[in-house]
Amino acid sequence: MKIVVIGTGGVGGYFGGRLAEAGQEVTFVARGDHLAAMQAGGLLVHSVHGDFHVLPVKATDRMEGMGPAELVLVCVKDYQLEAALPGIGHLVGSDTTVLPLMNGIRAAERLVAAFGRRQVLGGLCRVVSNIAEPGVVKQSSPFQSITFGEWDGRTTPRSQAILSILQKAGLTAELSADITAAMWTKFLFITAYSGLASVVRLPAGAIRSCPETMALLESCMSEIEAVARARGVALESDMVVKAMAFVQAMPDDTTASMQRDVAAGHPFELEAMTGSVVRFGREASVPTPANSFIYAALKPVEMKART
């Protein structure tokens, strides 16, 4: 399958690398030192599931002239998507499937607005990975999964074909009969925990040690659940309980990706995550005081990171 990976960071580098290792025709879109290192020495992945080296590697910073792909994996940060849309347009033909593996809800909505529901699947991934150095991706989690599906829940020939190549690459992959609910399930957990951890700037063990902070986390999750239900999303009835139990089970030294970006002074996905909760809540007349506090506390930090 002709695949283009937009954004060769931890997510795109790992999943795209697995597909390339399995023999798929993968082109990576990257930039800067990471791109130069890949072009010179390939893509090296250190993984708890087995190290591998993609060499030679197809890597570029230009999407113009590449022609339509069969599958486009969009793995950029949410704040990078707008700039990437014109380039993605060069890759989308009548038989192209666009699959976003991004945080938040609004990225998929923006891709659907740009290319239509027929071209875009809903999707999410679960993996802990990052660029360790230019040309090198480190993957450290026991989970390496992709969940995706058609918006209407049907199983189609294209979704079955994508599922097959993901599984043949050794990845955990599943089709969802309700991809919207699956995306909101991840959104509830990652938005609440990432936002709170980015304010507290301490690992999971320290957060769990404070009942008041855990109560704030649960409030953030409950607000997101209320917003989702107001938007007609069919979340499981015990979603918040399950999400809080997951937090209790995390290793003490766990930190969120957004939290690490905040600590490093990098731009981060505030608008895609907590900001979206506040906006969705306002649109649905659902109060979101806990998430509004997180948003207000992080907004000046995010603004400074962009200057």
Protein backbone atom coordinates (compact mmCIF):
# COMPACT_ATOMS: atom_id res chain seq x y z
CA MET A 1 0.00 0.00 0.00
CA LYS A 2 1.27 3.49 -0.86
CA ILE A 3 1.34 5.29 2.49
CA VAL A 4 2.41 8.82 3.39
CA VAL A 5 3.08 9.70 7.04
CA ILE A 6 2.61 13.39 7.78
CA GLY A 7 4.70 14.21 10.83
CA THR A 8 7.50 11.79 11.68
CA GLY A 9 7.65 12.37 15.42
CA GLY A 10 7.09 9.74 18.07
CA VAL A 11 3.74 8.62 16.67
CA GLY A 12 4.40 8.88 12.95
CA GLY A 13 7.94 7.58 13.24
CA TYR A 14 6.91 4.53 15.23
CA PHE A 15 3.76 3.46 13.38
CA GLY A 16 5.10 4.46 9.97
CA GLY A 17 8.36 2.69 10.77
CA ARG A 18 6.54 -0.53 11.64
CA LEU A 19 4.62 -0.36 8.35
CA ALA A 20 7.81 0.28 6.36
CA GLU A 21 9.59 -2.57 8.15
CA ALA A 22 6.69 -4.84 7.14
CA GLY A 23 7.20 -4.00 3.48
CA GLN A 24 4.66 -1.27 2.83
CA GLU A 25 5.62 1.63 0.54
CA VAL A 26 5.95 4.40 3.13
CA THR A 27 7.06 7.99 2.59
CA PHE A 28 7.79 10.06 5.70
CA VAL A 29 7.23 13.80 5.80
CA ALA A 30 9.58 15.40 8.30
CA ARG A 31 11.73 18.52 8.65
CA GLY A 32 14.96 19.95 10.00
CA ASP A 33 17.68 17.85 11.60
CA HIS A 34 15.36 14.86 11.96
CA LEU A 35 14.72 14.80 8.21
CA ALA A 36 18.42 15.23 7.39
CA ALA A 37 19.39 12.38 9.72
CA MET A 38 16.76 10.09 8.21
CA GLN A 39 17.87 10.87 4.67
CA ALA A 40 21.50 10.18 5.61
CA GLY A 41 21.16 7.11 7.82
CA GLY A 42 17.56 5.93 7.79
CA LEU A 43 15.06 5.76 10.65
CA LEU A 44 16.19 3.87 13.75
CA VAL A 45 13.53 2.80 16.25
CA HIS A 46 14.34 1.57 19.75
CA SER A 47 11.25 -0.22 21.05
CA VAL A 48 10.27 -2.48 23.91
CA HIS A 49 8.66 -4.60 21.16
CA GLY A 50 11.97 -4.96 19.31
CA ASP A 51 14.39 -2.52 17.72
CA PHE A 52 14.49 -2.03 13.96
CA HIS A 53 16.14 0.15 11.33
CA VAL A 54 14.39 1.41 8.19
CA LEU A 55 17.17 1.86 5.61
CA PRO A 56 16.95 3.18 3.00
CA VAL A 57 14.05 5.44 3.92
CA LYS A 58 11.84 7.64 1.78
CA ALA A 59 11.71 11.01 3.56
CA THR A 60 10.94 14.52 2.39
CA ASP A 61 9.68 17.89 3.56
CA ARG A 62 7.58 18.51 0.44
CA MET A 63 4.25 16.91 -0.44
CA GLU A 64 3.86 18.67 -3.79
CA GLY A 65 4.32 16.41 -6.78
CA MET A 66 4.07 13.14 -4.85
CA GLY A 67 0.69 12.28 -6.32
CA PRO A 68 -2.25 10.61 -4.57
CA ALA A 69 -1.53 8.14 -1.79
CA GLU A 70 -3.70 5.20 -0.82
CA LEU A 71 -3.39 5.99 2.89
CA VAL A 72 -2.34 9.23 4.58
CA LEU A 73 -1.52 8.98 8.29
CA VAL A 74 -1.74 12.45 9.83
CA CYS A 75 0.49 12.50 12.92
CA VAL A 76 1.31 16.19 13.39
CA LYS A 77 0.53 18.22 16.49
CA ASP A 78 -2.88 19.89 16.36
CA TYR A 79 -1.38 23.38 16.08
CA GLN A 80 0.59 22.22 13.00
CA LEU A 81 -2.45 20.89 11.11
CA GLU A 82 -3.58 24.14 9.48
CA ALA A 83 -0.19 24.62 7.81
CA ALA A 84 -0.17 20.98 6.69
CA LEU A 85 -3.61 21.00 5.04
CA PRO A 86 -2.53 22.40 1.63
CA GLY A 87 0.20 19.77 1.38
CA ILE A 88 -2.18 16.99 2.37
CA GLY A 89 -4.43 18.16 -0.45
CA HIS A 90 -1.73 17.15 -2.94
CA LEU A 91 -1.92 13.59 -1.64
CA VAL A 92 -5.69 13.13 -1.67
CA GLY A 93 -7.26 11.53 -4.71
CA SER A 94 -10.59 9.80 -5.21
CA ASP A 95 -9.28 6.55 -3.65
CA THR A 96 -7.26 8.08 -0.81
CA THR A 97 -8.06 7.42 2.85
CA VAL A 98 -6.95 9.99 5.42
CA LEU A 99 -6.50 8.64 8.94
CA PRO A 100 -5.63 11.11 11.73
CA LEU A 101 -3.69 9.77 14.72
CA MET A 102 -3.81 13.01 16.68
CA ASN A 103 -4.88 14.21 20.10
CA GLY A 104 -8.26 15.85 20.50
CA ILE A 105 -11.49 15.91 18.55
CA ARG A 106 -11.20 18.98 16.40
CA ALA A 107 -8.39 17.68 14.13
CA ALA A 108 -10.67 15.05 12.62
CA GLU A 109 -13.43 17.64 12.26
CA ARG A 110 -11.08 19.96 10.38
CA LEU A 111 -9.90 17.18 8.09
CA VAL A 112 -13.50 16.21 7.33
CA ALA A 113 -14.28 19.86 6.57
CA ALA A 114 -11.31 20.00 4.19
CA PHE A 115 -11.66 16.64 2.41
CA GLY A 116 -15.10 15.22 3.24
CA ARG A 117 -16.36 12.35 5.39
CA ARG A 118 -15.86 9.84 2.57
CA GLN A 119 -12.11 10.46 2.50
CA VAL A 120 -11.47 10.74 6.25
CA LEU A 121 -11.77 8.00 8.86
CA GLY A 122 -11.93 8.59 12.58
CA GLY A 123 -8.94 7.32 14.48
CA LEU A 124 -6.81 7.36 17.59
CA CYS A 125 -3.67 5.71 18.85
CA ARG A 126 -2.19 4.71 22.17
CA VAL A 127 1.58 4.64 22.38
CA VAL A 128 4.39 6.26 24.36
CA SER A 129 7.14 7.28 21.95
CA ASN A 130 9.28 10.29 21.14
CA ILE A 131 12.19 11.50 19.05
CA ALA A 132 15.24 10.55 21.13
CA GLU A 133 17.62 12.32 18.73
CA PRO A 134 17.54 13.19 15.02
CA GLY A 135 16.79 10.04 13.06
CA VAL A 136 16.00 8.01 16.19
CA VAL A 137 12.60 7.24 17.75
CA LYS A 138 12.23 5.65 21.19
CA GLN A 139 9.06 3.68 21.99
CA SER A 140 8.64 2.62 25.62
CA SER A 141 5.05 1.53 26.31
CA PRO A 142 3.69 -2.03 26.40
CA PHE A 143 0.78 -0.76 24.29
CA GLN A 144 1.12 0.15 20.60
CA SER A 145 -2.45 0.33 19.35
CA ILE A 146 -4.50 2.04 16.67
CA THR A 147 -8.30 2.18 16.78
CA PHE A 148 -10.15 3.51 13.74
CA GLY A 149 -13.40 3.24 11.85
CA GLU A 150 -15.95 4.61 9.43
CA TRP A 151 -18.11 7.36 10.89
CA ASP A 152 -21.27 5.31 10.39
CA GLY A 153 -19.79 2.19 12.00
CA ARG A 154 -19.79 0.06 8.84
CA THR A 155 -17.02 -2.41 8.08
CA THR A 156 -15.84 -1.58 4.57
CA PRO A 157 -13.27 -3.10 2.20
CA ARG A 158 -10.90 -0.17 2.78
CA SER A 159 -11.14 -0.38 6.56
CA GLN A 160 -10.51 -4.14 6.41
CA ALA A 161 -7.50 -3.58 4.13
CA ILE A 162 -6.01 -1.01 6.53
CA LEU A 163 -6.68 -3.27 9.51
CA SER A 164 -4.87 -6.10 7.75
CA ILE A 165 -1.68 -4.14 7.01
CA LEU A 166 -1.56 -2.76 10.57
CA GLN A 167 -1.88 -6.21 12.08
CA LYS A 168 0.67 -7.69 9.68
CA ALA A 169 3.09 -4.99 10.89
CA GLY A 170 2.75 -6.39 14.41
CA LEU A 171 0.59 -3.59 15.73
CA THR A 172 -2.50 -3.92 17.90
CA ALA A 173 -5.28 -2.60 15.68
CA GLU A 174 -9.05 -2.69 15.87
CA LEU A 175 -12.06 -1.41 13.99
CA SER A 176 -14.57 0.50 16.07
CA ALA A 177 -18.31 0.38 15.47
CA ASP A 178 -18.55 3.80 17.16
CA ILE A 179 -15.33 5.65 16.46
CA THR A 180 -16.74 8.93 17.77
CA ALA A 181 -17.29 7.39 21.21
CA ALA A 182 -13.84 5.79 21.09
CA MET A 183 -12.21 9.13 20.28
CA TRP A 184 -14.10 10.89 23.11
CA THR A 185 -13.13 8.11 25.53
CA LYS A 186 -9.45 8.81 24.91
CA PHE A 187 -10.11 12.57 24.83
CA LEU A 188 -11.73 12.47 28.27
CA PHE A 189 -8.73 10.85 29.91
CA ILE A 190 -5.86 12.52 28.10
CA THR A 191 -7.33 16.02 28.23
CA ALA A 192 -8.19 15.94 31.92
CA TYR A 193 -4.94 14.33 33.04
CA SER A 194 -2.64 16.28 30.69
CA GLY A 195 -4.21 19.60 31.61
CA LEU A 196 -4.04 19.04 35.35
CA ALA A 197 -0.52 17.55 35.26
CA SER A 198 0.66 20.51 33.18
CA VAL A 199 -0.54 22.88 35.89
CA VAL A 200 0.80 20.82 38.80
CA ARG A 201 4.05 19.85 37.00
CA LEU A 202 4.55 16.74 39.10
CA PRO A 203 4.42 13.04 38.17
CA ALA A 204 1.47 10.73 38.77
CA GLY A 205 2.57 9.52 42.19
CA ALA A 206 2.68 13.03 43.61
CA ILE A 207 -0.68 13.89 42.05
CA ARG A 208 -2.31 10.79 43.53
CA SER A 209 -0.96 11.65 46.99
CA CYS A 210 -3.20 14.73 47.19
CA PRO A 211 -6.97 14.07 47.56
CA GLU A 212 -7.86 17.65 46.62
CA THR A 213 -5.95 17.38 43.36
CA MET A 214 -7.53 14.03 42.53
CA ALA A 215 -10.94 15.57 43.17
CA LEU A 216 -10.11 18.32 40.69
CA LEU A 217 -9.05 15.70 38.15
CA GLU A 218 -12.34 13.85 38.58
CA SER A 219 -14.25 17.11 38.14
CA CYS A 220 -12.41 17.75 34.87
CA MET A 221 -13.34 14.29 33.63
CA SER A 222 -16.97 14.63 34.70
CA GLU A 223 -17.28 17.92 32.82
CA ILE A 224 -15.88 16.36 29.65
CA GLU A 225 -18.32 13.47 30.01
CA ALA A 226 -21.21 15.96 30.33
CA VAL A 227 -20.05 17.86 27.25
CA ALA A 228 -19.77 14.63 25.26
CA ARG A 229 -23.28 13.53 26.22
CA ALA A 230 -24.65 16.97 25.34
CA ARG A 231 -23.12 16.48 21.88
CA GLY A 232 -24.85 13.10 21.54
CA VAL A 233 -21.80 10.91 22.15
CA ALA A 234 -22.65 7.50 23.60
CA LEU A 235 -19.95 7.09 26.24
CA GLU A 236 -20.00 4.15 28.62
CA SER A 237 -21.88 4.93 31.84
CA ASP A 238 -18.82 4.28 34.05
CA MET A 239 -16.32 6.12 31.86
CA VAL A 240 -15.06 8.46 34.58
CA VAL A 241 -14.68 5.60 37.08
CA LYS A 242 -12.58 3.67 34.57
CA ALA A 243 -10.46 6.70 33.74
CA MET A 244 -9.77 7.43 37.40
CA ALA A 245 -8.85 3.76 37.95
CA PHE A 246 -6.37 4.02 35.09
CA VAL A 247 -4.74 7.01 36.80
CA GLN A 248 -4.47 5.01 40.02
CA ALA A 249 -2.65 2.23 38.16
CA MET A 250 -0.08 4.41 36.38
CA PRO A 251 3.56 4.16 37.49
CA ASP A 252 4.53 6.83 40.02
CA ASP A 253 6.94 8.55 37.63
CA THR A 254 4.44 8.91 34.76
CA THR A 255 4.26 12.34 33.14
CA ALA A 256 2.02 13.53 30.31
CA SER A 257 3.40 14.51 26.91
CA MET A 258 1.81 17.95 27.17
CA GLN A 259 3.26 18.35 30.65
CA ARG A 260 6.74 17.67 29.27
CA ASP A 261 6.23 20.23 26.52
CA VAL A 262 5.18 22.81 29.10
CA ALA A 263 8.24 22.11 31.25
CA ALA A 264 10.51 22.44 28.21
CA GLY A 265 8.94 25.71 27.10
CA HIS A 266 7.69 24.17 23.85
CA PRO A 267 4.34 24.94 22.18
CA PHE A 268 1.65 22.52 23.34
CA GLU A 269 -1.86 21.39 22.42
CA LEU A 270 -3.88 23.49 24.88
CA GLU A 271 -6.47 24.63 22.33
CA ALA A 272 -7.01 21.13 20.96
CA MET A 273 -7.58 19.69 24.39
CA THR A 274 -8.71 21.80 27.37
CA GLY A 275 -9.59 24.74 25.12
CA SER A 276 -11.91 22.52 23.09
CA VAL A 277 -13.70 21.37 26.25
CA VAL A 278 -14.36 24.98 27.25
CA ARG A 279 -15.60 25.90 23.76
CA PHE A 280 -17.74 22.78 23.36
CA GLY A 281 -19.21 23.39 26.82
CA ARG A 282 -20.10 26.96 25.97
CA GLU A 283 -21.76 25.85 22.71
CA ALA A 284 -23.80 23.19 24.54
CA SER A 285 -24.55 25.36 27.62
CA VAL A 286 -22.68 22.88 29.83
CA PRO A 287 -20.67 24.49 32.67
CA THR A 288 -16.97 23.59 32.68
CA PRO A 289 -15.48 25.45 35.70
CA ALA A 290 -12.67 22.96 36.41
CA ASN A 291 -11.50 22.84 32.81
CA SER A 292 -11.91 26.61 32.50
CA PHE A 293 -9.54 27.02 35.45
CA ILE A 294 -6.96 24.72 33.81
CA TYR A 295 -7.32 26.61 30.53
CA ALA A 296 -6.92 30.02 32.16
CA ALA A 297 -3.88 28.84 34.15
CA LEU A 298 -2.11 27.45 31.07
CA LYS A 299 -3.10 30.02 28.46
CA PRO A 300 -0.36 32.59 29.25
CA VAL A 301 2.21 29.76 29.35
CA GLU A 302 1.08 28.61 25.92
CA MET A 303 1.17 32.17 24.55
CA LYS A 304 4.72 32.66 25.83
CA ALA A 305 5.84 29.37 24.23
CA ARG A 306 4.75 30.68 20.83
CA THR A 307 6.69 33.95 21.01
